[in-house]
PDB file of N, CA and C in Angstrom:
ATOM      1  N   MET A   1     -70.761 118.353  40.984  1.00  0.00           N
ATOM      2  CA  MET A   1     -69.967 117.842  41.897  1.00  0.00           C
ATOM      3  C   MET A   1     -70.146 116.573  41.773  1.00  0.00           C
ATOM      4  N   GLN A   2     -68.933 115.723  41.507  1.00  0.00           N
ATOM      5  CA  GLN A   2     -68.835 114.329  41.500  1.00  0.00           C
ATOM      6  C   GLN A   2     -69.201 113.486  42.652  1.00  0.00           C
ATOM      7  N   THR A   3     -69.658 112.428  42.870  1.00  0.00           N
ATOM      8  CA  THR A   3     -70.164 112.055  43.979  1.00  0.00           C
ATOM      9  C   THR A   3     -68.801 110.982  44.429  1.00  0.00           C
ATOM     10  N   LEU A   4     -68.272 110.602  45.378  1.00  0.00           N
ATOM     11  CA  LEU A   4     -67.509 110.104  45.883  1.00  0.00           C
ATOM     12  C   LEU A   4     -67.739 108.642  45.759  1.00  0.00           C
ATOM     13  N   PRO A   5     -66.828 107.624  45.175  1.00  0.00           N
ATOM     14  CA  PRO A   5     -67.048 106.441  44.810  1.00  0.00           C
ATOM     15  C   PRO A   5     -67.156 105.557  46.307  1.00  0.00           C
ATOM     16  N   GLY A   6     -68.036 104.570  46.279  1.00  0.00           N
ATOM     17  CA  GLY A   6     -68.184 103.660  47.458  1.00  0.00           C
ATOM     18  C   GLY A   6     -67.024 102.843  47.615  1.00  0.00           C
ATOM     19  N   HIS A   7     -67.375 101.773  48.701  1.00  0.00           N
ATOM     20  CA  HIS A   7     -66.902 100.568  49.529  1.00  0.00           C
ATOM     21  C   HIS A   7     -66.257  99.725  47.847  1.00  0.00           C
ATOM     22  N   ASP A   8     -67.567  99.428  47.218  1.00  0.00           N
ATOM     23  CA  ASP A   8     -67.421  98.604  46.461  1.00  0.00           C
ATOM     24  C   ASP A   8     -66.533  98.447  45.110  1.00  0.00           C
ATOM     25  N   ARG A   9     -67.128 100.227  44.722  1.00  0.00           N
ATOM     26  CA  ARG A   9     -66.071 100.662  43.692  1.00  0.00           C
ATOM     27  C   ARG A   9     -64.827 100.380  43.765  1.00  0.00           C
ATOM     28  N   PHE A  10     -63.925 100.929  45.099  1.00  0.00           N
ATOM     29  CA  PHE A  10     -62.773 101.051  44.982  1.00  0.00           C
ATOM     30  C   PHE A  10     -62.357  99.215  45.446  1.00  0.00           C
ATOM     31  N   ALA A  11     -63.307  98.367  45.790  1.00  0.00           N
ATOM     32  CA  ALA A  11     -62.702  97.099  46.291  1.00  0.00           C
ATOM     33  C   ALA A  11     -62.383  96.535  44.524  1.00  0.00           C
ATOM     34  N   ARG A  12     -63.345  97.168  43.700  1.00  0.00           N
ATOM     35  CA  ARG A  12     -62.850  96.087  42.727  1.00  0.00           C
ATOM     36  C   ARG A  12     -61.568  96.538  42.031  1.00  0.00           C
ATOM     37  N   ALA A  13     -61.444  98.098  42.310  1.00  0.00           N
ATOM     38  CA  ALA A  13     -59.962  98.417  41.877  1.00  0.00           C
ATOM     39  C   ALA A  13     -59.178  98.050  42.719  1.00  0.00           C
ATOM     40  N   ALA A  14     -58.882  97.264  43.732  1.00  0.00           N
ATOM     41  CA  ALA A  14     -58.032  96.690  44.667  1.00  0.00           C
ATOM     42  C   ALA A  14     -56.993  96.080  44.072  1.00  0.00           C
ATOM     43  N   GLY A  15     -55.846  96.461  43.974  1.00  0.00           N
ATOM     44  CA  GLY A  15     -54.297  95.688  43.453  1.00  0.00           C
ATOM     45  C   GLY A  15     -53.961  96.437  42.070  1.00  0.00           C
ATOM     46  N   GLN A  16     -54.911  97.289  41.661  1.00  0.00           N
ATOM     47  CA  GLN A  16     -55.092  98.416  40.478  1.00  0.00           C
ATOM     48  C   GLN A  16     -53.740  99.371  40.927  1.00  0.00           C
ATOM     49  N   THR A  17     -53.433 100.242  39.636  1.00  0.00           N
ATOM     50  CA  THR A  17     -52.751 101.563  39.775  1.00  0.00           C
ATOM     51  C   THR A  17     -53.686 102.531  39.729  1.00  0.00           C
ATOM     52  N   PHE A  18     -53.489 103.822  40.406  1.00  0.00           N
ATOM     53  CA  PHE A  18     -53.925 105.179  40.697  1.00  0.00           C
ATOM     54  C   PHE A  18     -52.889 106.274  40.347  1.00  0.00           C
ATOM     55  N   ARG A  19     -53.386 107.074  40.136  1.00  0.00           N
ATOM     56  CA  ARG A  19     -52.369 108.392  39.705  1.00  0.00           C
ATOM     57  C   ARG A  19     -52.948 109.618  41.172  1.00  0.00           C
ATOM     58  N   ILE A  20     -51.744 109.591  41.486  1.00  0.00           N
ATOM     59  CA  ILE A  20     -51.990 110.554  42.674  1.00  0.00           C
ATOM     60  C   ILE A  20     -51.264 112.065  42.060  1.00  0.00           C
ATOM     61  N   LEU A  21     -52.076 113.363  42.108  1.00  0.00           N
ATOM     62  CA  LEU A  21     -51.691 114.273  41.930  1.00  0.00           C
ATOM     63  C   LEU A  21     -51.876 115.449  43.143  1.00  0.00           C
ATOM     64  N   TRP A  22     -50.734 116.365  42.614  1.00  0.00           N
ATOM     65  CA  TRP A  22     -50.748 117.515  43.650  1.00  0.00           C
ATOM     66  C   TRP A  22     -50.415 118.619  43.059  1.00  0.00           C
ATOM     67  N   GLY A  23     -50.889 119.859  43.426  1.00  0.00           N
ATOM     68  CA  GLY A  23     -50.402 121.184  42.561  1.00  0.00           C
ATOM     69  C   GLY A  23     -50.519 121.067  40.831  1.00  0.00           C
ATOM     70  N   THR A  24     -50.014 122.078  40.144  1.00  0.00           N
ATOM     71  CA  THR A  24     -50.087 121.808  39.193  1.00  0.00           C
ATOM     72  C   THR A  24     -48.946 120.509  38.221  1.00  0.00           C
ATOM     73  N   ASP A  25     -48.023 119.954  38.729  1.00  0.00           N
ATOM     74  CA  ASP A  25     -47.242 119.515  37.789  1.00  0.00           C
ATOM     75  C   ASP A  25     -46.934 118.272  38.725  1.00  0.00           C
ATOM     76  N   GLY A  26     -47.461 117.874  39.773  1.00  0.00           N
ATOM     77  CA  GLY A  26     -46.742 116.984  40.389  1.00  0.00           C
ATOM     78  C   GLY A  26     -47.818 115.452  40.802  1.00  0.00           C
ATOM     79  N   ALA A  27     -46.925 114.331  40.423  1.00  0.00           N
ATOM     80  CA  ALA A  27     -48.022 113.120  39.834  1.00  0.00           C
ATOM     81  C   ALA A  27     -46.882 112.098  40.352  1.00  0.00           C
ATOM     82  N   VAL A  28     -47.835 110.919  40.669  1.00  0.00           N
ATOM     83  CA  VAL A  28     -46.844 109.685  41.341  1.00  0.00           C
ATOM     84  C   VAL A  28     -48.118 108.506  41.214  1.00  0.00           C
ATOM     85  N   GLU A  29     -47.397 107.289  40.589  1.00  0.00           N
ATOM     86  CA  GLU A  29     -48.418 106.562  40.681  1.00  0.00           C
ATOM     87  C   GLU A  29     -48.367 105.362  41.710  1.00  0.00           C
ATOM     88  N   ALA A  30     -49.502 104.929  42.237  1.00  0.00           N
ATOM     89  CA  ALA A  30     -49.461 104.255  43.613  1.00  0.00           C
ATOM     90  C   ALA A  30     -50.375 102.922  43.103  1.00  0.00           C
ATOM     91  N   GLU A  31     -50.034 102.106  43.880  1.00  0.00           N
ATOM     92  CA  GLU A  31     -50.823 100.675  44.128  1.00  0.00           C
ATOM     93  C   GLU A  31     -51.839 101.020  45.095  1.00  0.00           C
ATOM     94  N   LEU A  32     -53.124 100.546  44.803  1.00  0.00           N
ATOM     95  CA  LEU A  32     -54.201 100.632  45.534  1.00  0.00           C
ATOM     96  C   LEU A  32     -54.094  99.001  46.288  1.00  0.00           C
ATOM     97  N   ARG A  33     -53.537  99.342  47.671  1.00  0.00           N
ATOM     98  CA  ARG A  33     -53.240  97.637  47.944  1.00  0.00           C
ATOM     99  C   ARG A  33     -54.173  96.991  48.896  1.00  0.00           C
ATOM    100  N   ARG A  34     -54.925  97.876  49.607  1.00  0.00           N
ATOM    101  CA  ARG A  34     -56.113  97.556  50.472  1.00  0.00           C
ATOM    102  C   ARG A  34     -56.933  98.240  50.564  1.00  0.00           C
ATOM    103  N   VAL A  35     -58.255  97.508  50.434  1.00  0.00           N
ATOM    104  CA  VAL A  35     -59.754  98.069  50.758  1.00  0.00           C
ATOM    105  C   VAL A  35     -59.845  97.521  52.047  1.00  0.00           C
ATOM    106  N   ASP A  36     -60.258  98.390  52.959  1.00  0.00           N
ATOM    107  CA  ASP A  36     -60.820  97.651  54.557  1.00  0.00           C
ATOM    108  C   ASP A  36     -61.908  98.187  54.662  1.00  0.00           C
ATOM    109  N   THR A  37     -62.881  97.012  55.406  1.00  0.00           N
ATOM    110  CA  THR A  37     -64.171  97.572  55.697  1.00  0.00           C
ATOM    111  C   THR A  37     -63.686  97.875  56.866  1.00  0.00           C
ATOM    112  N   ARG A  38     -64.327  98.578  57.708  1.00  0.00           N
ATOM    113  CA  ARG A  38     -64.472  99.308  59.177  1.00  0.00           C
ATOM    114  C   ARG A  38     -65.602  99.118  59.582  1.00  0.00           C
ATOM    115  N   LEU A  39     -65.459  99.143  61.196  1.00  0.00           N
ATOM    116  CA  LEU A  39     -66.879  99.560  61.870  1.00  0.00           C
ATOM    117  C   LEU A  39     -68.026 100.703  61.653  1.00  0.00           C
ATOM    118  N   PRO A  40     -68.867 100.816  61.107  1.00  0.00           N
ATOM    119  CA  PRO A  40     -69.761 101.892  61.172  1.00  0.00           C
ATOM    120  C   PRO A  40     -70.714 102.125  62.289  1.00  0.00           C
ATOM    121  N   MET A  41     -70.724 103.573  62.607  1.00  0.00           N
ATOM    122  CA  MET A  41     -71.617 103.528  63.702  1.00  0.00           C
ATOM    123  C   MET A  41     -73.037 103.167  64.038  1.00  0.00           C
ATOM    124  N   ASN A  42     -73.560 102.887  62.692  1.00  0.00           N
ATOM    125  CA  ASN A  42     -74.939 102.280  62.570  1.00  0.00           C
ATOM    126  C   ASN A  42     -75.039 102.097  61.492  1.00  0.00           C
ATOM    127  N   GLU A  43     -76.257 101.035  60.811  1.00  0.00           N
ATOM    128  CA  GLU A  43     -76.608 100.674  59.788  1.00  0.00           C
ATOM    129  C   GLU A  43     -76.515 101.346  58.596  1.00  0.00           C
ATOM    130  N   ARG A  44     -76.907 102.806  58.970  1.00  0.00           N
ATOM    131  CA  ARG A  44     -77.093 103.723  57.449  1.00  0.00           C
ATOM    132  C   ARG A  44     -75.935 104.447  57.498  1.00  0.00           C
ATOM    133  N   HIS A  45     -74.839 104.039  57.971  1.00  0.00           N
ATOM    134  CA  HIS A  45     -73.171 104.292  57.456  1.00  0.00           C
ATOM    135  C   HIS A  45     -72.627 103.252  57.025  1.00  0.00           C
ATOM    136  N   GLU A  46     -71.450 103.598  56.247  1.00  0.00           N
ATOM    137  CA  GLU A  46     -70.592 102.687  55.814  1.00  0.00           C
ATOM    138  C   GLU A  46     -69.192 103.332  56.196  1.00  0.00           C
ATOM    139  N   CYS A  47     -68.285 102.815  56.774  1.00  0.00           N
ATOM    140  CA  CYS A  47     -66.736 103.104  56.883  1.00  0.00           C
ATOM    141  C   CYS A  47     -65.849 102.221  56.328  1.00  0.00           C
ATOM    142  N   PHE A  48     -64.853 102.874  55.999  1.00  0.00           N
ATOM    143  CA  PHE A  48     -63.711 101.891  55.280  1.00  0.00           C
ATOM    144  C   PHE A  48     -62.591 102.564  55.132  1.00  0.00           C
ATOM    145  N   SER A  49     -61.071 101.968  54.540  1.00  0.00           N
ATOM    146  CA  SER A  49     -60.433 102.619  54.518  1.00  0.00           C
ATOM    147  C   SER A  49     -59.724 102.248  53.301  1.00  0.00           C
ATOM    148  N   LEU A  50     -58.659 103.000  52.894  1.00  0.00           N
ATOM    149  CA  LEU A  50     -57.745 102.493  51.362  1.00  0.00           C
ATOM    150  C   LEU A  50     -56.541 102.814  51.362  1.00  0.00           C
ATOM    151  N   LEU A  51     -55.585 101.945  51.347  1.00  0.00           N
ATOM    152  CA  LEU A  51     -54.355 102.041  51.792  1.00  0.00           C
ATOM    153  C   LEU A  51     -54.055 102.122  50.247  1.00  0.00           C
ATOM    154  N   PHE A  52     -52.384 102.981  49.921  1.00  0.00           N
ATOM    155  CA  PHE A  52     -52.559 103.104  48.628  1.00  0.00           C
ATOM    156  C   PHE A  52     -50.798 103.137  48.729  1.00  0.00           C
ATOM    157  N   ALA A  53     -49.747 102.277  48.125  1.00  0.00           N
ATOM    158  CA  ALA A  53     -48.422 101.755  48.339  1.00  0.00           C
ATOM    159  C   ALA A  53     -47.759 102.912  46.947  1.00  0.00           C
ATOM    160  N   LEU A  54     -46.498 103.462  47.844  1.00  0.00           N
ATOM    161  CA  LEU A  54     -45.881 104.536  46.797  1.00  0.00           C
ATOM    162  C   LEU A  54     -44.708 104.063  46.225  1.00  0.00           C
ATOM    163  N   PRO A  55     -44.270 104.279  45.258  1.00  0.00           N
ATOM    164  CA  PRO A  55     -43.321 103.663  44.472  1.00  0.00           C
ATOM    165  C   PRO A  55     -42.059 103.669  45.472  1.00  0.00           C
ATOM    166  N   PRO A  56     -41.135 102.905  45.076  1.00  0.00           N
ATOM    167  CA  PRO A  56     -39.877 102.837  46.008  1.00  0.00           C
ATOM    168  C   PRO A  56     -39.488 104.452  46.192  1.00  0.00           C
ATOM    169  N   GLY A  57     -38.801 105.437  47.670  1.00  0.00           N
ATOM    170  CA  GLY A  57     -38.061 106.026  47.540  1.00  0.00           C
ATOM    171  C   GLY A  57     -39.012 107.468  47.518  1.00  0.00           C
ATOM    172  N   VAL A  58     -40.233 107.043  47.059  1.00  0.00           N
ATOM    173  CA  VAL A  58     -40.954 108.335  47.377  1.00  0.00           C
ATOM    174  C   VAL A  58     -41.938 108.293  48.654  1.00  0.00           C
ATOM    175  N   ALA A  59     -41.741 109.397  49.206  1.00  0.00           N
ATOM    176  CA  ALA A  59     -42.629 109.666  50.548  1.00  0.00           C
ATOM    177  C   ALA A  59     -43.314 110.950  50.026  1.00  0.00           C
ATOM    178  N   LEU A  60     -44.716 110.851  50.631  1.00  0.00           N
ATOM    179  CA  LEU A  60     -45.600 112.256  50.370  1.00  0.00           C
ATOM    180  C   LEU A  60     -45.975 112.967  51.929  1.00  0.00           C
ATOM    181  N   PRO A  61     -46.540 113.796  51.916  1.00  0.00           N
ATOM    182  CA  PRO A  61     -47.128 114.547  53.404  1.00  0.00           C
ATOM    183  C   PRO A  61     -48.616 114.270  53.242  1.00  0.00           C
ATOM    184  N   GLN A  62     -49.361 114.454  54.380  1.00  0.00           N
ATOM    185  CA  GLN A  62     -50.781 114.236  54.509  1.00  0.00           C
ATOM    186  C   GLN A  62     -51.026 115.963  53.836  1.00  0.00           C
ATOM    187  N   ALA A  63     -52.085 115.500  52.879  1.00  0.00           N
ATOM    188  CA  ALA A  63     -52.779 116.437  51.939  1.00  0.00           C
ATOM    189  C   ALA A  63     -53.683 116.079  51.377  1.00  0.00           C
ATOM    190  N   LEU A  64     -54.428 116.906  50.627  1.00  0.00           N
ATOM    191  CA  LEU A  64     -55.624 116.988  49.790  1.00  0.00           C
ATOM    192  C   LEU A  64     -55.146 116.671  48.315  1.00  0.00           C
ATOM    193  N   TYR A  65     -55.168 115.455  48.045  1.00  0.00           N
ATOM    194  CA  TYR A  65     -54.951 115.095  46.481  1.00  0.00           C
ATOM    195  C   TYR A  65     -56.139 114.437  45.577  1.00  0.00           C
ATOM    196  N   HIS A  66     -55.701 114.924  44.336  1.00  0.00           N
ATOM    197  CA  HIS A  66     -56.577 114.717  43.338  1.00  0.00           C
ATOM    198  C   HIS A  66     -56.056 112.977  42.734  1.00  0.00           C
ATOM    199  N   VAL A  67     -57.306 112.115  42.950  1.00  0.00           N
ATOM    200  CA  VAL A  67     -56.720 110.408  42.391  1.00  0.00           C
ATOM    201  C   VAL A  67     -57.388 110.194  41.612  1.00  0.00           C
ATOM    202  N   GLY A  68     -56.987 109.359  40.643  1.00  0.00           N
ATOM    203  CA  GLY A  68     -57.374 109.096  39.393  1.00  0.00           C
ATOM    204  C   GLY A  68     -57.488 107.605  39.269  1.00  0.00           C
ATOM    205  N   GLY A  69     -58.163 106.770  38.679  1.00  0.00           N
ATOM    206  CA  GLY A  69     -58.164 105.468  38.596  1.00  0.00           C
ATOM    207  C   GLY A  69     -58.805 104.259  37.532  1.00  0.00           C
ATOM    208  N   PRO A  70     -58.732 103.314  37.677  1.00  0.00           N
ATOM    209  CA  PRO A  70     -59.815 102.243  37.018  1.00  0.00           C
ATOM    210  C   PRO A  70     -61.118 102.629  37.183  1.00  0.00           C
ATOM    211  N   GLU A  71     -61.988 102.197  36.402  1.00  0.00           N
ATOM    212  CA  GLU A  71     -63.558 102.555  36.378  1.00  0.00           C
ATOM    213  C   GLU A  71     -63.640 103.859  36.238  1.00  0.00           C
ATOM    214  N   GLY A  72     -62.890 104.696  35.681  1.00  0.00           N
ATOM    215  CA  GLY A  72     -63.413 106.355  35.674  1.00  0.00           C
ATOM    216  C   GLY A  72     -63.128 106.781  36.955  1.00  0.00           C
ATOM    217  N   ILE A  73     -62.771 106.157  38.199  1.00  0.00           N
ATOM    218  CA  ILE A  73     -62.649 106.946  39.458  1.00  0.00           C
ATOM    219  C   ILE A  73     -61.969 108.445  39.453  1.00  0.00           C
ATOM    220  N   GLU A  74     -62.164 108.943  39.469  1.00  0.00           N
ATOM    221  CA  GLU A  74     -61.692 110.918  39.857  1.00  0.00           C
ATOM    222  C   GLU A  74     -61.911 111.328  41.164  1.00  0.00           C
ATOM    223  N   CYS A  75     -61.371 112.054  41.863  1.00  0.00           N
ATOM    224  CA  CYS A  75     -61.892 112.680  43.307  1.00  0.00           C
ATOM    225  C   CYS A  75     -60.947 112.956  43.990  1.00  0.00           C
ATOM    226  N   ALA A  76     -60.965 113.705  44.853  1.00  0.00           N
ATOM    227  CA  ALA A  76     -60.052 114.345  45.685  1.00  0.00           C
ATOM    228  C   ALA A  76     -60.277 113.690  47.219  1.00  0.00           C
ATOM    229  N   LEU A  77     -59.030 113.179  47.504  1.00  0.00           N
ATOM    230  CA  LEU A  77     -58.898 112.384  48.637  1.00  0.00           C
ATOM    231  C   LEU A  77     -57.857 113.241  49.939  1.00  0.00           C
ATOM    232  N   MET A  78     -58.480 113.285  50.900  1.00  0.00           N
ATOM    233  CA  MET A  78     -57.249 113.306  52.018  1.00  0.00           C
ATOM    234  C   MET A  78     -56.660 112.259  52.440  1.00  0.00           C
ATOM    235  N   LEU A  79     -55.175 112.262  51.761  1.00  0.00           N
ATOM    236  CA  LEU A  79     -54.146 111.039  52.240  1.00  0.00           C
ATOM    237  C   LEU A  79     -53.291 111.321  53.374  1.00  0.00           C
ATOM    238  N   THR A  80     -53.015 110.689  54.101  1.00  0.00           N
ATOM    239  CA  THR A  80     -52.115 110.535  55.179  1.00  0.00           C
ATOM    240  C   THR A  80     -51.222 109.694  55.262  1.00  0.00           C
ATOM    241  N   PRO A  81     -49.982 109.789  55.644  1.00  0.00           N
ATOM    242  CA  PRO A  81     -49.204 108.784  55.888  1.00  0.00           C
ATOM    243  C   PRO A  81     -48.694 107.718  57.394  1.00  0.00           C
ATOM    244  N   VAL A  82     -49.134 106.871  56.848  1.00  0.00           N
ATOM    245  CA  VAL A  82     -49.107 105.315  57.697  1.00  0.00           C
ATOM    246  C   VAL A  82     -48.007 104.762  57.493  1.00  0.00           C
ATOM    247  N   ARG A  83     -47.912 103.525  58.378  1.00  0.00           N
ATOM    248  CA  ARG A  83     -46.510 102.728  58.236  1.00  0.00           C
ATOM    249  C   ARG A  83     -46.524 102.305  57.144  1.00  0.00           C
ATOM    250  N   PRO A  84     -45.331 102.166  56.827  1.00  0.00           N
ATOM    251  CA  PRO A  84     -44.771 101.869  55.296  1.00  0.00           C
ATOM    252  C   PRO A  84     -45.071 100.047  54.917  1.00  0.00           C
ATOM    253  N   GLU A  85     -44.985  99.714  53.929  1.00  0.00           N
ATOM    254  CA  GLU A  85     -45.385  98.506  53.866  1.00  0.00           C
ATOM    255  C   GLU A  85     -43.887  97.820  54.372  1.00  0.00           C
ATOM    256  N   PRO A  86     -44.109  96.132  54.306  1.00  0.00           N
ATOM    257  CA  PRO A  86     -42.968  95.206  54.886  1.00  0.00           C
ATOM    258  C   PRO A  86     -42.044  95.489  53.686  1.00  0.00           C
ATOM    259  N   ASP A  87     -41.878  95.992  52.808  1.00  0.00           N
ATOM    260  CA  ASP A  87     -40.608  96.119  51.665  1.00  0.00           C
ATOM    261  C   ASP A  87     -40.081  97.409  51.994  1.00  0.00           C
ATOM    262  N   GLY A  88     -40.829  98.190  52.506  1.00  0.00           N
ATOM    263  CA  GLY A  88     -40.055  99.570  53.169  1.00  0.00           C
ATOM    264  C   GLY A  88     -40.985 100.855  51.940  1.00  0.00           C
ATOM    265  N   ARG A  89     -41.658 100.538  51.134  1.00  0.00           N
ATOM    266  CA  ARG A  89     -42.285 101.332  50.619  1.00  0.00           C
ATOM    267  C   ARG A  89     -43.140 102.296  51.361  1.00  0.00           C
ATOM    268  N   SER A  90     -43.771 103.566  51.127  1.00  0.00           N
ATOM    269  CA  SER A  90     -44.079 104.481  52.047  1.00  0.00           C
ATOM    270  C   SER A  90     -45.672 104.245  51.488  1.00  0.00           C
ATOM    271  N   CYS A  91     -46.609 104.443  52.297  1.00  0.00           N
ATOM    272  CA  CYS A  91     -48.258 104.349  52.396  1.00  0.00           C
ATOM    273  C   CYS A  91     -49.161 105.717  52.777  1.00  0.00           C
ATOM    274  N   LEU A  92     -50.020 105.637  52.038  1.00  0.00           N
ATOM    275  CA  LEU A  92     -50.922 107.307  52.542  1.00  0.00           C
ATOM    276  C   LEU A  92     -52.308 106.017  52.520  1.00  0.00           C
ATOM    277  N   GLU A  93     -52.961 106.414  53.503  1.00  0.00           N
ATOM    278  CA  GLU A  93     -54.417 105.921  53.846  1.00  0.00           C
ATOM    279  C   GLU A  93     -55.471 107.080  53.726  1.00  0.00           C
ATOM    280  N   ALA A  94     -56.620 106.683  53.268  1.00  0.00           N
ATOM    281  CA  ALA A  94     -57.711 107.624  53.605  1.00  0.00           C
ATOM    282  C   ALA A  94     -58.648 106.804  54.124  1.00  0.00           C
ATOM    283  N   VAL A  95     -59.856 107.517  55.155  1.00  0.00           N
ATOM    284  CA  VAL A  95     -60.170 106.560  55.729  1.00  0.00           C
ATOM    285  C   VAL A  95     -62.090 107.374  55.741  1.00  0.00           C
ATOM    286  N   PHE A  96     -62.893 106.553  55.242  1.00  0.00           N
ATOM    287  CA  PHE A  96     -64.307 107.347  54.935  1.00  0.00           C
ATOM    288  C   PHE A  96     -65.387 106.451  55.958  1.00  0.00           C
ATOM    289  N   HIS A  97     -65.876 107.235  56.719  1.00  0.00           N
ATOM    290  CA  HIS A  97     -67.018 107.398  57.332  1.00  0.00           C
ATOM    291  C   HIS A  97     -68.330 108.000  57.042  1.00  0.00           C
ATOM    292  N   ARG A  98     -69.272 107.491  56.324  1.00  0.00           N
ATOM    293  CA  ARG A  98     -70.439 108.027  55.665  1.00  0.00           C
ATOM    294  C   ARG A  98     -71.606 107.706  55.574  1.00  0.00           C
ATOM    295  N   LEU A  99     -72.764 108.477  55.281  1.00  0.00           N
ATOM    296  CA  LEU A  99     -74.194 107.898  54.889  1.00  0.00           C
ATOM    297  C   LEU A  99     -73.863 106.885  53.706  1.00  0.00           C
ATOM    298  N   LYS A 100     -74.696 105.545  53.894  1.00  0.00           N
ATOM    299  CA  LYS A 100     -74.624 104.924  52.470  1.00  0.00           C
ATOM    300  C   LYS A 100     -75.588 105.555  51.425  1.00  0.00           C
ATOM    301  N   THR A 101     -74.925 105.300  50.154  1.00  0.00           N
ATOM    302  CA  THR A 101     -75.608 105.792  48.965  1.00  0.00           C
ATOM    303  C   THR A 101     -77.015 104.837  48.913  1.00  0.00           C
ATOM    304  N   PRO A 102     -78.086 105.375  48.352  1.00  0.00           N
ATOM    305  CA  PRO A 102     -79.140 104.479  48.405  1.00  0.00           C
ATOM    306  C   PRO A 102     -78.921 103.274  47.614  1.00  0.00           C
ATOM    307  N   ALA A 103     -77.896 102.883  46.638  1.00  0.00           N
ATOM    308  CA  ALA A 103     -77.691 101.619  46.141  1.00  0.00           C
ATOM    309  C   ALA A 103     -76.953 100.915  46.880  1.00  0.00           C
ATOM    310  N   ALA A 104     -76.093 101.253  48.068  1.00  0.00           N
ATOM    311  CA  ALA A 104     -75.519 100.654  48.719  1.00  0.00           C
ATOM    312  C   ALA A 104     -76.241 100.291  50.143  1.00  0.00           C
ATOM    313  N   ALA A 105     -77.537 100.845  50.468  1.00  0.00           N
ATOM    314  CA  ALA A 105     -78.053 100.698  51.641  1.00  0.00           C
ATOM    315  C   ALA A 105     -78.979  99.401  51.658  1.00  0.00           C
TER     316      ALA A 105
END
């Protein structure tokens, strides 16, 4: 099983294009708009969120999606619709709260 990338790896990919896939033939390209640091419950944990902006006119439901992006990022993420961008584009968010990896600790 592949390890889920941490905050720093996603932060390096902010502003870049990711491919969000579902089922056997559904796919869309989305921009990783923001990687926000959140408050973890203690120093052993990290907490952050990702905000993906979808193309104009595209809206997706909450679901588990396969996400692929730069730096070889490939993972399954539970993405949830949140408030649209000011330009009207729909957005999906993933929130992480987990133990830090040894390299990030």
